[in-house]
Amino acid sequence: MSVSRLWLLTEGDPSVSTGHPLNMSTLESMLLGEDTINILELGCGVGILGIGLARILSRDDHGETQKTILMTDLPEAEERASANIDRLATTCAISIRPEYENLDWDDGKLGSFGPLVQSRSWDLVVLSDCTYNVDALPALIDTWTAIHKQNVAKQPDHDHPSTTRVLVAMKVRHSDESRLWELVKEASWAIAEEAVMPLPMLGGEAQEIFLYLFENQTR
């Protein structure tokens, strides 16, 4: 669902206009207005979001840009995610091939990353449907912050702030998830943009998907 909505956002769909709940100009500029962007996905699962982003970013890419997508998750996700990356390369004409690397948030919160995560600064961190496990939220938010600290360390001009942005797509399943807002505030993350989208359910009550673009500029 988050991929389909991002597709509408970047397609310039008439329904996605000023005043529409999905209007996210900073996100759109990052995805379509930059020749260089490094995207890191946390908790990728089988790879739907990362692969969808690769297709979106490949549409207008003519080999003159430098765009990277790195998908990460626990080791048990590696086989299926990697297989889907391989399948993408054989079934679609894409210029951006995602990569995969294992990342446990219990390691990430300590800044302990694999070589691919360590290899560059990350402009945009993305995750979809990863906030329902309240017990894992502290490690998740601390991993965001560790990535931001890595970005700051790699910033060549320390006189200018390094901005790290995190895109979260989520459904609210229970009230305990409000813990997310306490943690992001404590860690100096702020909402830059947000959107709410209806999610029709066959034979059931309609639900909502929430998109939040967080950012951190602390040193």
C-alpha atoms as a PDB file:
ATOM      1  CA  MET A   1       0.000   0.000   0.000  1.00  0.00           C
ATOM      2  CA  SER A   2       2.773   2.455   0.881  1.00  0.00           C
ATOM      3  CA  VAL A   3       4.481   1.710  -2.441  1.00  0.00           C
ATOM      4  CA  SER A   4       1.316   2.368  -4.452  1.00  0.00           C
ATOM      5  CA  ARG A   5       0.795   5.701  -2.702  1.00  0.00           C
ATOM      6  CA  LEU A   6       4.393   6.730  -3.295  1.00  0.00           C
ATOM      7  CA  TRP A   7       3.893   5.828  -6.952  1.00  0.00           C
ATOM      8  CA  LEU A   8       0.915   8.212  -7.137  1.00  0.00           C
ATOM      9  CA  LEU A   9       2.942  10.896  -5.385  1.00  0.00           C
ATOM     10  CA  THR A  10       5.797  10.696  -7.858  1.00  0.00           C
ATOM     11  CA  GLU A  11       3.561  10.263 -10.926  1.00  0.00           C
ATOM     12  CA  GLY A  12       2.070  13.706 -10.437  1.00  0.00           C
ATOM     13  CA  ASP A  13      -1.392  12.170 -10.204  1.00  0.00           C
ATOM     14  CA  PRO A  14      -4.111  14.885 -10.355  1.00  0.00           C
ATOM     15  CA  SER A  15      -5.570  13.696  -7.048  1.00  0.00           C
ATOM     16  CA  VAL A  16      -2.213  14.272  -5.366  1.00  0.00           C
ATOM     17  CA  SER A  17      -2.230  18.030  -5.461  1.00  0.00           C
ATOM     18  CA  THR A  18      -1.827  20.926  -3.068  1.00  0.00           C
ATOM     19  CA  GLY A  19      -4.230  20.451  -0.179  1.00  0.00           C
ATOM     20  CA  HIS A  20      -4.543  16.699  -0.714  1.00  0.00           C
ATOM     21  CA  PRO A  21      -3.540  14.662   2.356  1.00  0.00           C
ATOM     22  CA  LEU A  22      -0.742  13.007   0.380  1.00  0.00           C
ATOM     23  CA  ASN A  23       1.012  16.254  -0.533  1.00  0.00           C
ATOM     24  CA  MET A  24       4.615  15.722   0.682  1.00  0.00           C
ATOM     25  CA  SER A  25       6.812  18.131  -1.254  1.00  0.00           C
ATOM     26  CA  THR A  26      10.080  17.398   0.566  1.00  0.00           C
ATOM     27  CA  LEU A  27       9.716  13.670  -0.006  1.00  0.00           C
ATOM     28  CA  GLU A  28       8.802  14.186  -3.660  1.00  0.00           C
ATOM     29  CA  SER A  29      11.817  16.450  -4.149  1.00  0.00           C
ATOM     30  CA  MET A  30      14.113  13.871  -2.586  1.00  0.00           C
ATOM     31  CA  LEU A  31      12.822  11.051  -4.769  1.00  0.00           C
ATOM     32  CA  LEU A  32      12.555  12.935  -8.069  1.00  0.00           C
ATOM     33  CA  GLY A  33      14.533  16.151  -7.766  1.00  0.00           C
ATOM     34  CA  GLU A  34      17.936  14.820  -6.767  1.00  0.00           C
ATOM     35  CA  ASP A  35      20.557  13.218  -9.009  1.00  0.00           C
ATOM     36  CA  THR A  36      22.102  11.504  -6.001  1.00  0.00           C
ATOM     37  CA  ILE A  37      20.199   9.820  -3.191  1.00  0.00           C
ATOM     38  CA  ASN A  38      21.098   6.996  -0.837  1.00  0.00           C
ATOM     39  CA  ILE A  39      18.125   5.147   0.652  1.00  0.00           C
ATOM     40  CA  LEU A  40      18.391   2.674   3.524  1.00  0.00           C
ATOM     41  CA  GLU A  41      15.430   0.435   4.352  1.00  0.00           C
ATOM     42  CA  LEU A  42      15.018  -1.035   7.829  1.00  0.00           C
ATOM     43  CA  GLY A  43      12.945  -4.181   8.374  1.00  0.00           C
ATOM     44  CA  CYS A  44      12.473  -4.843   4.664  1.00  0.00           C
ATOM     45  CA  GLY A  45      10.808  -8.262   4.997  1.00  0.00           C
ATOM     46  CA  VAL A  46      10.418  -9.735   1.514  1.00  0.00           C
ATOM     47  CA  GLY A  47      11.447  -6.416  -0.063  1.00  0.00           C
ATOM     48  CA  ILE A  48       8.217  -4.889  -1.351  1.00  0.00           C
ATOM     49  CA  LEU A  49       9.004  -1.293  -0.380  1.00  0.00           C
ATOM     50  CA  GLY A  50      12.663  -1.256  -1.445  1.00  0.00           C
ATOM     51  CA  ILE A  51      11.901  -2.942  -4.759  1.00  0.00           C
ATOM     52  CA  GLY A  52       8.997  -0.562  -5.382  1.00  0.00           C
ATOM     53  CA  LEU A  53      11.296   2.395  -4.749  1.00  0.00           C
ATOM     54  CA  ALA A  54      13.850   0.956  -7.184  1.00  0.00           C
ATOM     55  CA  ARG A  55      11.188   0.885  -9.897  1.00  0.00           C
ATOM     56  CA  ILE A  56      10.054   4.439  -9.094  1.00  0.00           C
ATOM     57  CA  LEU A  57      13.586   5.838  -9.149  1.00  0.00           C
ATOM     58  CA  SER A  58      14.492   3.930 -12.328  1.00  0.00           C
ATOM     59  CA  ARG A  59      11.698   5.445 -14.429  1.00  0.00           C
ATOM     60  CA  ASP A  60      13.450   8.714 -15.205  1.00  0.00           C
ATOM     61  CA  ASP A  61      17.003   7.528 -14.644  1.00  0.00           C
ATOM     62  CA  HIS A  62      19.199   7.456 -17.753  1.00  0.00           C
ATOM     63  CA  GLY A  63      22.395   6.288 -16.125  1.00  0.00           C
ATOM     64  CA  GLU A  64      23.481   9.830 -15.259  1.00  0.00           C
ATOM     65  CA  THR A  65      22.483   9.680 -11.595  1.00  0.00           C
ATOM     66  CA  GLN A  66      23.886   7.977  -8.534  1.00  0.00           C
ATOM     67  CA  LYS A  67      21.100   6.372  -6.551  1.00  0.00           C
ATOM     68  CA  THR A  68      21.479   3.592  -4.008  1.00  0.00           C
ATOM     69  CA  ILE A  69      18.927   1.443  -2.209  1.00  0.00           C
ATOM     70  CA  LEU A  70      20.100  -0.870   0.568  1.00  0.00           C
ATOM     71  CA  MET A  71      17.514  -3.177   2.146  1.00  0.00           C
ATOM     72  CA  THR A  72      18.176  -4.584   5.619  1.00  0.00           C
ATOM     73  CA  ASP A  73      16.519  -6.998   8.019  1.00  0.00           C
ATOM     74  CA  LEU A  74      17.236  -9.944  10.303  1.00  0.00           C
ATOM     75  CA  PRO A  75      19.090 -12.932   8.771  1.00  0.00           C
ATOM     76  CA  GLU A  76      15.893 -14.953   8.341  1.00  0.00           C
ATOM     77  CA  ALA A  77      14.667 -12.404   5.775  1.00  0.00           C
ATOM     78  CA  GLU A  78      17.794 -12.552   3.615  1.00  0.00           C
ATOM     79  CA  GLU A  79      16.877 -15.484   1.362  1.00  0.00           C
ATOM     80  CA  ARG A  80      13.463 -14.219   0.253  1.00  0.00           C
ATOM     81  CA  ALA A  81      14.503 -10.573  -0.023  1.00  0.00           C
ATOM     82  CA  SER A  82      17.571 -11.471  -2.102  1.00  0.00           C
ATOM     83  CA  ALA A  83      15.500 -13.777  -4.319  1.00  0.00           C
ATOM     84  CA  ASN A  84      13.039 -10.968  -5.003  1.00  0.00           C
ATOM     85  CA  ILE A  85      15.887  -8.587  -5.836  1.00  0.00           C
ATOM     86  CA  ASP A  86      17.189 -11.138  -8.344  1.00  0.00           C
ATOM     87  CA  ARG A  87      13.690 -11.583  -9.773  1.00  0.00           C
ATOM     88  CA  LEU A  88      13.340  -7.818 -10.205  1.00  0.00           C
ATOM     89  CA  ALA A  89      16.535  -7.679 -12.251  1.00  0.00           C
ATOM     90  CA  THR A  90      15.306 -10.389 -14.625  1.00  0.00           C
ATOM     91  CA  THR A  91      11.706  -9.214 -15.064  1.00  0.00           C
ATOM     92  CA  CYS A  92      11.980  -5.401 -15.121  1.00  0.00           C
ATOM     93  CA  ALA A  93      14.149  -2.893 -16.935  1.00  0.00           C
ATOM     94  CA  ILE A  94      15.664  -1.094 -13.966  1.00  0.00           C
ATOM     95  CA  SER A  95      18.767   1.050 -13.644  1.00  0.00           C
ATOM     96  CA  ILE A  96      18.898   0.799  -9.849  1.00  0.00           C
ATOM     97  CA  ARG A  97      19.419  -2.633  -8.342  1.00  0.00           C
ATOM     98  CA  PRO A  98      18.798  -2.770  -4.585  1.00  0.00           C
ATOM     99  CA  GLU A  99      21.327  -4.460  -2.336  1.00  0.00           C
ATOM    100  CA  TYR A 100      20.707  -6.448   0.847  1.00  0.00           C
ATOM    101  CA  GLU A 101      22.556  -6.644   4.156  1.00  0.00           C
ATOM    102  CA  ASN A 102      21.577  -8.129   7.512  1.00  0.00           C
ATOM    103  CA  LEU A 103      20.944  -5.636  10.312  1.00  0.00           C
ATOM    104  CA  ASP A 104      19.653  -6.379  13.799  1.00  0.00           C
ATOM    105  CA  TRP A 105      18.403  -3.213  15.506  1.00  0.00           C
ATOM    106  CA  ASP A 106      20.006  -4.390  18.749  1.00  0.00           C
ATOM    107  CA  ASP A 107      23.308  -3.976  16.897  1.00  0.00           C
ATOM    108  CA  GLY A 108      22.200  -0.889  15.015  1.00  0.00           C
ATOM    109  CA  LYS A 109      21.334   1.018  18.184  1.00  0.00           C
ATOM    110  CA  LEU A 110      25.003   0.673  19.175  1.00  0.00           C
ATOM    111  CA  GLY A 111      26.214   1.897  15.788  1.00  0.00           C
ATOM    112  CA  SER A 112      27.391  -1.609  14.901  1.00  0.00           C
ATOM    113  CA  PHE A 113      26.679  -1.843  11.176  1.00  0.00           C
ATOM    114  CA  GLY A 114      27.768  -4.070   8.324  1.00  0.00           C
ATOM    115  CA  PRO A 115      30.144  -2.831   5.621  1.00  0.00           C
ATOM    116  CA  LEU A 116      27.385  -1.721   3.227  1.00  0.00           C
ATOM    117  CA  VAL A 117      25.598   0.421   5.811  1.00  0.00           C
ATOM    118  CA  GLN A 118      28.941   1.868   6.887  1.00  0.00           C
ATOM    119  CA  SER A 119      30.005   2.630   3.322  1.00  0.00           C
ATOM    120  CA  ARG A 120      28.113   5.896   2.822  1.00  0.00           C
ATOM    121  CA  SER A 121      25.850   8.570   4.245  1.00  0.00           C
ATOM    122  CA  TRP A 122      22.120   7.875   4.043  1.00  0.00           C
ATOM    123  CA  ASP A 123      19.821  10.653   2.855  1.00  0.00           C
ATOM    124  CA  LEU A 124      16.604   8.775   3.520  1.00  0.00           C
ATOM    125  CA  VAL A 125      15.823   5.877   5.840  1.00  0.00           C
ATOM    126  CA  VAL A 126      12.535   4.103   5.054  1.00  0.00           C
ATOM    127  CA  LEU A 127      10.424   1.545   6.877  1.00  0.00           C
ATOM    128  CA  SER A 128       6.925   0.186   6.471  1.00  0.00           C
ATOM    129  CA  ASP A 129       4.777  -1.530   9.101  1.00  0.00           C
ATOM    130  CA  CYS A 130       7.632  -1.821  11.603  1.00  0.00           C
ATOM    131  CA  THR A 131       6.201   0.071  14.576  1.00  0.00           C
ATOM    132  CA  TYR A 132       3.606  -2.389  15.901  1.00  0.00           C
ATOM    133  CA  ASN A 133       6.097  -4.217  18.177  1.00  0.00           C
ATOM    134  CA  VAL A 134       6.353  -1.710  21.010  1.00  0.00           C
ATOM    135  CA  ASP A 135       9.162  -3.647  22.702  1.00  0.00           C
ATOM    136  CA  ALA A 136      11.352  -3.126  19.617  1.00  0.00           C
ATOM    137  CA  LEU A 137      10.702   0.616  19.316  1.00  0.00           C
ATOM    138  CA  PRO A 138      13.599   1.807  21.528  1.00  0.00           C
ATOM    139  CA  ALA A 139      16.127  -0.182  19.476  1.00  0.00           C
ATOM    140  CA  LEU A 140      14.531   1.039  16.236  1.00  0.00           C
ATOM    141  CA  ILE A 141      14.674   4.730  17.165  1.00  0.00           C
ATOM    142  CA  ASP A 142      18.204   4.348  18.534  1.00  0.00           C
ATOM    143  CA  THR A 143      19.182   2.778  15.195  1.00  0.00           C
ATOM    144  CA  TRP A 144      17.852   5.860  13.383  1.00  0.00           C
ATOM    145  CA  THR A 145      19.960   8.025  15.667  1.00  0.00           C
ATOM    146  CA  ALA A 146      23.062   5.884  15.150  1.00  0.00           C
ATOM    147  CA  ILE A 147      22.617   6.246  11.382  1.00  0.00           C
ATOM    148  CA  HIS A 148      22.301  10.015  11.820  1.00  0.00           C
ATOM    149  CA  LYS A 149      25.494  10.096  13.897  1.00  0.00           C
ATOM    150  CA  GLN A 150      27.269   8.176  11.128  1.00  0.00           C
ATOM    151  CA  ASN A 151      25.991  10.740   8.614  1.00  0.00           C
ATOM    152  CA  VAL A 152      27.287  13.594  10.768  1.00  0.00           C
ATOM    153  CA  ALA A 153      30.700  11.921  11.050  1.00  0.00           C
ATOM    154  CA  LYS A 154      30.884  11.578   7.257  1.00  0.00           C
ATOM    155  CA  GLN A 155      29.802  15.193   6.631  1.00  0.00           C
ATOM    156  CA  PRO A 156      32.797  16.966   5.039  1.00  0.00           C
ATOM    157  CA  ASP A 157      31.644  20.462   5.996  1.00  0.00           C
ATOM    158  CA  HIS A 158      30.979  20.437   9.717  1.00  0.00           C
ATOM    159  CA  ASP A 159      29.868  24.085   9.612  1.00  0.00           C
ATOM    160  CA  HIS A 160      26.627  23.009   7.926  1.00  0.00           C
ATOM    161  CA  PRO A 161      24.168  20.657   9.639  1.00  0.00           C
ATOM    162  CA  SER A 162      23.746  17.150   8.287  1.00  0.00           C
ATOM    163  CA  THR A 163      20.051  16.327   7.906  1.00  0.00           C
ATOM    164  CA  THR A 164      18.902  12.716   8.108  1.00  0.00           C
ATOM    165  CA  ARG A 165      15.307  11.942   7.163  1.00  0.00           C
ATOM    166  CA  VAL A 166      13.242   8.872   8.031  1.00  0.00           C
ATOM    167  CA  LEU A 167      10.048   7.915   6.185  1.00  0.00           C
ATOM    168  CA  VAL A 168       7.669   5.770   8.241  1.00  0.00           C
ATOM    169  CA  ALA A 169       4.560   4.110   6.790  1.00  0.00           C
ATOM    170  CA  MET A 170       2.370   2.604   9.498  1.00  0.00           C
ATOM    171  CA  LYS A 171      -1.049   1.428  10.593  1.00  0.00           C
ATOM    172  CA  VAL A 172      -2.048   2.051  14.200  1.00  0.00           C
ATOM    173  CA  ARG A 173      -3.015  -1.279  15.746  1.00  0.00           C
ATOM    174  CA  HIS A 174      -3.122  -0.450  19.459  1.00  0.00           C
ATOM    175  CA  SER A 175      -2.706   2.483  21.828  1.00  0.00           C
ATOM    176  CA  ASP A 176       0.702   1.287  23.065  1.00  0.00           C
ATOM    177  CA  GLU A 177       2.170   2.473  19.765  1.00  0.00           C
ATOM    178  CA  SER A 178       1.931   6.023  21.101  1.00  0.00           C
ATOM    179  CA  ARG A 179       5.268   5.205  22.742  1.00  0.00           C
ATOM    180  CA  LEU A 180       6.780   5.994  19.337  1.00  0.00           C
ATOM    181  CA  TRP A 181       6.120   9.714  19.802  1.00  0.00           C
ATOM    182  CA  GLU A 182       7.813   9.821  23.185  1.00  0.00           C
ATOM    183  CA  LEU A 183      10.903   8.100  21.812  1.00  0.00           C
ATOM    184  CA  VAL A 184      11.284  10.237  18.691  1.00  0.00           C
ATOM    185  CA  LYS A 185      10.950  13.419  20.750  1.00  0.00           C
ATOM    186  CA  GLU A 186      13.539  12.219  23.275  1.00  0.00           C
ATOM    187  CA  ALA A 187      15.932  11.445  20.405  1.00  0.00           C
ATOM    188  CA  SER A 188      15.483  14.893  18.753  1.00  0.00           C
ATOM    189  CA  TRP A 189      13.530  13.662  15.731  1.00  0.00           C
ATOM    190  CA  ALA A 190      10.824  16.001  14.429  1.00  0.00           C
ATOM    191  CA  ILE A 191       8.023  15.576  11.894  1.00  0.00           C
ATOM    192  CA  ALA A 192       8.760  17.430   8.657  1.00  0.00           C
ATOM    193  CA  GLU A 193       5.757  16.138   6.676  1.00  0.00           C
ATOM    194  CA  GLU A 194       2.857  13.788   7.198  1.00  0.00           C
ATOM    195  CA  ALA A 195      -0.032  12.292   5.270  1.00  0.00           C
ATOM    196  CA  VAL A 196      -3.036  10.086   5.997  1.00  0.00           C
ATOM    197  CA  MET A 197      -4.547   7.745   3.430  1.00  0.00           C
ATOM    198  CA  PRO A 198      -7.644   5.527   3.581  1.00  0.00           C
ATOM    199  CA  LEU A 199      -7.096   1.787   3.308  1.00  0.00           C
ATOM    200  CA  PRO A 200     -10.313   0.093   2.113  1.00  0.00           C
ATOM    201  CA  MET A 201     -10.927  -3.325   3.673  1.00  0.00           C
ATOM    202  CA  LEU A 202     -13.032  -5.932   1.864  1.00  0.00           C
ATOM    203  CA  GLY A 203     -15.920  -6.822   4.141  1.00  0.00           C
ATOM    204  CA  GLY A 204     -14.613  -4.768   7.032  1.00  0.00           C
ATOM    205  CA  GLU A 205     -14.141  -1.296   8.400  1.00  0.00           C
ATOM    206  CA  ALA A 206     -11.866   0.997   6.417  1.00  0.00           C
ATOM    207  CA  GLN A 207      -8.473   1.597   8.003  1.00  0.00           C
ATOM    208  CA  GLU A 208      -5.881   4.325   7.576  1.00  0.00           C
ATOM    209  CA  ILE A 209      -2.238   4.355   6.546  1.00  0.00           C
ATOM    210  CA  PHE A 210      -0.100   7.077   8.079  1.00  0.00           C
ATOM    211  CA  LEU A 211       3.029   8.438   6.404  1.00  0.00           C
ATOM    212  CA  TYR A 212       5.487  10.446   8.487  1.00  0.00           C
ATOM    213  CA  LEU A 213       8.699  12.064   7.314  1.00  0.00           C
ATOM    214  CA  PHE A 214      10.924  12.657  10.341  1.00  0.00           C
ATOM    215  CA  GLU A 215      14.160  14.614  10.304  1.00  0.00           C
ATOM    216  CA  ASN A 216      17.124  15.155  12.597  1.00  0.00           C
ATOM    217  CA  GLN A 217      19.685  17.954  12.266  1.00  0.00           C
ATOM    218  CA  THR A 218      21.473  17.620  15.607  1.00  0.00           C
ATOM    219  CA  ARG A 219      25.254  17.259  15.685  1.00  0.00           C
END
